[in-house]
Protein backbone atom coordinates (compact mmCIF):
# COMPACT_ATOMS: atom_id res chain seq x y z
CA MET A 1 128.65 92.13 116.54
CA LYS A 2 128.11 88.61 115.15
CA LEU A 3 125.07 87.02 113.52
CA ASN A 4 124.41 84.84 116.56
CA GLN A 5 124.32 87.97 118.76
CA ILE A 6 121.58 89.74 116.77
CA ALA A 7 118.20 89.62 118.52
CA ASP A 8 114.80 91.25 118.09
CA ARG A 9 113.79 94.12 120.34
CA PRO A 10 112.03 92.99 123.56
CA GLY A 11 108.30 92.47 122.98
CA SER A 12 108.53 92.37 119.18
CA ARG A 13 107.83 88.62 119.07
CA LYS A 14 104.94 87.06 120.96
CA LYS A 15 103.73 83.48 121.22
CA ARG A 16 100.48 82.71 119.42
CA MET A 17 97.48 82.43 121.73
CA ARG A 18 96.21 78.82 121.76
CA ILE A 19 92.43 79.11 121.80
CA GLY A 20 89.94 76.59 123.15
CA ARG A 21 92.08 75.54 126.13
CA GLY A 22 89.54 75.83 128.96
CA ILE A 23 87.71 78.56 130.89
CA GLY A 24 90.80 79.72 132.78
CA SER A 25 92.65 80.67 129.58
CA GLY A 26 90.11 83.40 128.74
CA MET A 27 89.79 81.96 125.22
CA GLY A 28 88.08 78.65 125.96
CA LYS A 29 84.65 77.26 125.03
CA THR A 30 83.77 79.18 121.82
CA GLY A 31 87.38 80.29 121.35
CA GLY A 32 86.61 83.90 120.38
CA ARG A 33 84.04 82.91 117.73
CA GLY A 34 80.94 83.91 119.68
CA GLY A 35 77.83 81.73 119.37
CA LYS A 36 76.78 79.07 116.90
CA GLY A 37 75.96 79.47 113.24
CA GLN A 38 77.71 80.56 110.05
CA THR A 39 80.20 82.96 111.67
CA ALA A 40 81.39 80.30 114.12
CA ARG A 41 82.69 78.18 111.27
CA THR A 42 85.45 78.50 108.69
CA GLY A 43 84.92 79.84 105.17
CA VAL A 44 82.46 82.61 106.09
CA ARG A 45 81.17 84.49 103.02
CA ILE A 46 78.89 86.98 104.77
CA LYS A 47 80.71 90.33 104.21
CA GLY A 48 78.78 92.34 101.65
CA PHE A 49 75.77 90.03 101.85
CA GLU A 50 72.51 92.04 101.98
CA GLY A 51 69.96 89.37 102.83
CA GLY A 52 69.54 88.24 99.25
CA GLN A 53 68.75 91.61 97.66
CA MET A 54 71.02 92.81 94.88
CA PRO A 55 74.18 94.02 96.68
CA LEU A 56 75.38 97.60 96.32
CA HIS A 57 78.51 96.72 94.36
CA ARG A 58 76.31 95.04 91.71
CA ARG A 59 73.65 97.78 91.66
CA LEU A 60 76.15 100.53 90.79
CA PRO A 61 77.02 100.94 87.10
CA LYS A 62 80.52 100.33 85.79
CA ARG A 63 82.32 103.53 84.88
CA GLY A 64 85.69 104.43 83.42
CA PHE A 65 88.67 102.45 82.22
CA ARG A 66 91.84 101.26 83.95
CA ASN A 67 95.01 101.14 81.90
CA THR A 68 96.84 99.02 84.52
CA PRO A 69 97.67 95.93 82.39
CA PHE A 70 98.99 98.08 79.51
CA ALA A 71 100.70 100.86 81.50
CA VAL A 72 104.47 101.27 81.08
CA GLU A 73 106.11 101.10 84.51
CA LEU A 74 108.95 103.63 84.66
CA ASN A 75 111.74 104.46 87.08
CA GLU A 76 111.73 108.17 87.97
CA ILE A 77 115.07 109.83 88.66
CA ASN A 78 116.11 113.45 89.14
CA VAL A 79 119.10 115.07 87.44
CA GLY A 80 120.46 115.94 90.91
CA ARG A 81 120.92 112.22 91.71
CA ILE A 82 122.69 111.68 88.40
CA GLN A 83 125.11 114.50 89.24
CA ALA A 84 125.74 113.01 92.70
CA ALA A 85 126.54 109.64 91.07
CA ILE A 86 128.96 111.34 88.65
CA ASP A 87 130.67 113.14 91.55
CA ALA A 88 130.99 109.81 93.38
CA GLY A 89 132.56 108.22 90.28
CA LEU A 90 129.71 105.74 89.73
CA ILE A 91 128.77 107.09 86.29
CA ASP A 92 131.12 108.09 83.48
CA ALA A 93 129.94 111.49 82.21
CA LYS A 94 131.72 111.03 78.87
CA ALA A 95 129.73 107.89 77.97
CA PRO A 96 125.98 107.98 77.10
CA VAL A 97 123.83 107.51 80.20
CA ASP A 98 120.92 105.08 79.82
CA ALA A 99 118.88 102.79 82.09
CA ALA A 100 121.58 100.07 82.11
CA ALA A 101 124.23 102.58 83.27
CA MET A 102 121.94 103.78 86.07
CA VAL A 103 121.30 100.21 87.24
CA LYS A 104 125.05 99.49 87.19
CA ALA A 105 125.64 102.66 89.27
CA GLY A 106 123.09 101.46 91.85
CA LEU A 107 120.61 104.30 91.26
CA MET A 108 117.81 101.77 90.65
CA ARG A 109 117.32 98.04 91.12
CA ARG A 110 116.14 97.14 87.62
CA GLU A 111 115.33 98.84 84.32
CA LYS A 112 111.54 98.07 84.29
CA GLY A 113 109.91 99.74 81.26
CA GLY A 114 112.52 102.51 81.12
CA VAL A 115 113.50 105.74 82.87
CA LYS A 116 111.74 109.07 83.20
CA LEU A 117 114.19 111.92 83.83
CA LEU A 118 112.98 114.67 86.17
CA GLY A 119 114.43 118.14 86.65
CA ASP A 120 114.93 118.43 90.43
CA GLY A 121 118.48 119.28 91.49
CA GLU A 122 121.44 120.82 89.67
CA LEU A 123 123.32 119.27 86.76
CA LYS A 124 126.86 120.54 86.06
CA SER A 125 128.24 117.84 83.75
CA LYS A 126 127.71 117.63 80.01
CA ILE A 127 125.86 114.34 79.53
CA GLU A 128 124.12 112.54 76.68
CA PHE A 129 120.99 110.90 78.09
CA SER A 130 119.05 108.10 76.44
CA VAL A 131 115.78 107.74 78.40
CA TRP A 132 112.17 106.68 77.79
CA ARG A 133 110.72 110.05 78.82
CA ALA A 134 111.92 113.37 80.27
CA SER A 135 110.16 116.36 81.80
CA LYS A 136 110.51 119.82 80.27
CA SER A 137 112.52 121.05 83.27
CA ALA A 138 114.90 118.06 82.98
CA ILE A 139 115.48 118.68 79.26
CA ALA A 140 116.13 122.36 80.01
CA ALA A 141 118.62 121.49 82.79
CA VAL A 142 120.51 119.02 80.57
CA GLU A 143 120.68 121.41 77.60
CA LYS A 144 121.79 124.24 79.90
CA ALA A 145 124.76 122.09 80.97
CA GLY A 146 125.56 121.44 77.30
CA GLY A 147 124.17 117.90 77.09
CA SER A 148 121.37 116.30 75.11
CA VAL A 149 118.35 114.08 75.78
CA LYS A 150 117.29 111.28 73.43
CA ILE A 151 113.65 110.24 74.01
CA LEU A 152 113.06 106.53 73.34
CA ALA A 153 109.27 106.58 73.72
CA PRO A 154 107.37 106.59 70.41
CA ALA A 155 105.73 109.90 69.56
CA LYS A 156 101.99 110.07 70.21
CA GLU A 157 100.00 109.99 66.98
CA GLU A 158 96.91 112.15 66.88
CA ASP A 159 93.89 110.68 65.14
CA GLU A 160 93.17 112.19 61.75
CA VAL A 161 89.46 111.72 62.36
CA PRO A 162 88.45 112.84 65.89
CA LYS A 163 86.71 110.26 68.07
CA GLY A 164 84.43 110.32 71.12
CA LYS A 165 84.25 113.63 72.98
CA ASN A 166 86.63 115.29 70.49
CA LYS A 167 84.36 114.26 67.62
CA ARG A 168 81.34 115.88 69.32
CA LYS A 169 83.32 119.08 69.95
CA ALA A 170 84.45 119.16 66.31
CA LEU A 171 80.87 118.76 65.07
CA GLU A 172 79.63 121.51 67.42
CA ALA A 173 82.40 123.85 66.23
CA ALA A 174 81.51 123.11 62.59
CA LYS A 175 77.84 123.91 63.26
CA GLY A 176 78.75 127.28 64.74
CA GLY A 177 79.91 127.20 68.33
CA ASP A 178 78.90 125.43 71.50
CA LYS A 179 75.40 124.30 72.27
CA PRO A 180 73.16 126.98 73.85
CA LYS A 181 72.46 126.56 77.55
CA ALA A 182 69.17 124.89 78.42
CA GLY A 183 66.35 127.31 79.23
CA LYS A 184 63.20 128.88 77.89
CA PRO A 185 63.65 130.97 74.71
CA LYS A 186 63.17 134.69 75.23
CA THR A 187 60.04 136.22 73.72
CA GLU A 188 60.10 139.55 71.87
CA ALA A 189 58.04 141.21 74.63
CA GLN A 190 60.59 140.20 77.31
CA GLY A 191 63.42 141.54 75.18
CA GLU A 192 61.68 144.90 74.64
CA GLN A 193 60.90 145.17 78.37
CA LYS A 194 64.56 144.63 79.34
CA SER A 195 65.79 147.16 76.78
CA ALA A 196 63.26 149.74 78.11
CA GLU A 197 64.61 149.26 81.68
């Protein structure tokens, strides 16, 4: 097969319908835009418009926080794929295996923010990994085979002084346990009645 012989499957490419070409075309006159007015013209901004009242998306309060701009984008790879690459001769088991070695072996397109090692599959070779993160099962699999895992991600530092929800919990614990559930306080008469029953 040659490049000039390659063709799309029949029916995959269709010619664009030319609208406004007379009654006989089936798309003449209004050209699929219906009647007159705002929606018959370009640049329509009517979706989500509620007649001038405050729209729903502005009435609802903002909640939560998205970490998207600060999130570290990682490549995820299982130890089974690493072993398959070693068996195929793409990775040298004697040398330390890091993100650059995995990219060179064709296991991923680019390094991104680093590599997270996962524990699916079987690892037979003794390898020294240098990765951003690793799951507990992956670390166990590597150590079982006699290798080691070096974690490049900085260790999470816990705040010395608790903040937010943790601060409230700490204050409640210091006062003597959780807050009592909301309800009417029991009277002495009710308590005596229940004990008599």
